[in-house]
């Protein structure tokens, strides 16, 4: 995969390469081929899940008041933080993806 991303970077089609839930060994192997610029890891360990639950509950409550899903609320917030932040939401279906990306304004 890293080799394919390297080719896409060389062609100007991709700017950055990130990995999700990768082991240290996999990160090292990928980075040796193409520099890894972002890593997402350990968000869903039991300890982190328990620690993040109050924030998730607040976001869900606020999103409900706005008639949105938590993902629809989080996406524009992330995009507004810094120009170099690139959210990478995962979706099981195209329909779910369209629902998340389809909402861009809130009152």
Protein backbone atom coordinates (compact mmCIF):
# COMPACT_ATOMS: atom_id res chain seq x y z
CA UNK A 1 0.00 0.00 0.00
CA UNK A 2 2.76 2.48 0.87
CA UNK A 3 4.26 2.01 -2.59
CA UNK A 4 0.95 2.87 -4.24
CA UNK A 5 0.60 5.97 -2.07
CA UNK A 6 4.18 6.95 -2.93
CA UNK A 7 3.27 6.81 -6.64
CA UNK A 8 0.16 8.92 -6.03
CA UNK A 9 2.21 11.50 -4.09
CA UNK A 10 4.75 11.60 -6.93
CA UNK A 11 1.90 12.17 -9.43
CA UNK A 12 0.49 14.99 -7.27
CA UNK A 13 -2.78 13.17 -6.59
CA UNK A 14 -2.19 12.69 -2.85
CA UNK A 15 -0.50 15.09 -0.44
CA UNK A 16 -0.19 13.04 2.75
CA UNK A 17 -0.14 9.42 3.91
CA UNK A 18 -1.77 8.32 7.15
CA UNK A 19 -2.45 5.02 8.88
CA UNK A 20 -5.20 3.98 11.26
CA UNK A 21 -4.84 1.41 14.03
CA UNK A 22 -1.45 0.28 12.71
CA UNK A 23 1.15 -1.52 14.80
CA UNK A 24 4.56 0.05 15.37
CA UNK A 25 6.06 -2.51 12.98
CA UNK A 26 3.60 -1.64 10.21
CA UNK A 27 4.19 2.09 10.69
CA UNK A 28 7.97 1.60 10.44
CA UNK A 29 7.62 -0.55 7.31
CA UNK A 30 5.30 1.94 5.61
CA UNK A 31 7.41 4.95 6.61
CA UNK A 32 10.48 3.34 5.07
CA UNK A 33 8.68 3.44 1.69
CA UNK A 34 6.73 6.71 2.01
CA UNK A 35 6.80 9.14 4.97
CA UNK A 36 3.78 8.63 7.22
CA UNK A 37 2.36 12.03 8.18
CA UNK A 38 -0.64 11.02 10.30
CA UNK A 39 -1.51 8.20 12.66
CA UNK A 40 -4.81 7.39 14.39
CA UNK A 41 -4.57 4.85 17.14
CA UNK A 42 -5.99 3.56 20.40
CA UNK A 43 -9.20 5.61 20.41
CA UNK A 44 -11.36 2.63 21.27
CA UNK A 45 -9.45 0.91 24.12
CA UNK A 46 -11.81 0.35 27.09
CA UNK A 47 -10.01 2.99 29.17
CA UNK A 48 -10.12 5.62 26.41
CA UNK A 49 -13.71 4.81 25.57
CA UNK A 50 -14.74 5.38 29.19
CA UNK A 51 -12.76 8.62 29.38
CA UNK A 52 -14.25 9.93 26.12
CA UNK A 53 -17.86 8.94 26.89
CA UNK A 54 -18.85 12.26 28.60
CA UNK A 55 -17.62 14.24 25.58
CA UNK A 56 -19.41 11.91 23.16
CA UNK A 57 -22.62 12.31 25.14
CA UNK A 58 -22.33 16.13 25.01
CA UNK A 59 -21.66 16.12 21.26
CA UNK A 60 -24.60 13.76 20.67
CA UNK A 61 -26.91 15.98 22.73
CA UNK A 62 -25.83 19.16 20.93
CA UNK A 63 -26.12 17.47 17.51
CA UNK A 64 -29.65 16.30 18.36
CA UNK A 65 -30.62 19.90 19.19
CA UNK A 66 -29.35 20.94 15.76
CA UNK A 67 -31.14 18.10 13.98
CA UNK A 68 -27.85 16.50 13.00
CA UNK A 69 -25.79 13.42 13.70
CA UNK A 70 -22.62 13.67 15.80
CA UNK A 71 -20.56 13.01 12.64
CA UNK A 72 -22.33 15.83 10.78
CA UNK A 73 -21.50 18.19 13.64
CA UNK A 74 -17.91 17.03 14.09
CA UNK A 75 -16.90 17.20 10.43
CA UNK A 76 -17.30 20.96 9.86
CA UNK A 77 -15.79 21.64 13.27
CA UNK A 78 -12.68 19.65 12.34
CA UNK A 79 -12.43 21.35 8.95
CA UNK A 80 -12.59 24.78 10.61
CA UNK A 81 -9.72 24.13 13.04
CA UNK A 82 -6.64 24.29 10.79
CA UNK A 83 -6.17 24.08 7.03
CA UNK A 84 -3.88 21.07 7.42
CA UNK A 85 -6.38 18.97 9.37
CA UNK A 86 -7.93 16.39 7.08
CA UNK A 87 -10.71 14.33 8.66
CA UNK A 88 -10.92 10.73 7.59
CA UNK A 89 -14.36 9.46 8.57
CA UNK A 90 -14.96 5.77 8.00
CA UNK A 91 -18.35 4.61 6.76
CA UNK A 92 -19.82 1.18 6.23
CA UNK A 93 -21.97 2.31 3.32
CA UNK A 94 -22.07 5.04 0.68
CA UNK A 95 -25.42 6.15 2.09
CA UNK A 96 -23.88 6.80 5.51
CA UNK A 97 -21.02 8.71 3.90
CA UNK A 98 -23.43 10.89 1.91
CA UNK A 99 -25.39 11.61 5.08
CA UNK A 100 -22.29 12.76 6.96
CA UNK A 101 -20.78 14.84 4.16
CA UNK A 102 -24.12 16.21 3.00
CA UNK A 103 -24.60 18.60 5.90
CA UNK A 104 -22.43 21.71 5.91
CA UNK A 105 -24.31 24.48 7.76
CA UNK A 106 -25.91 24.78 11.17
CA UNK A 107 -27.91 27.54 12.78
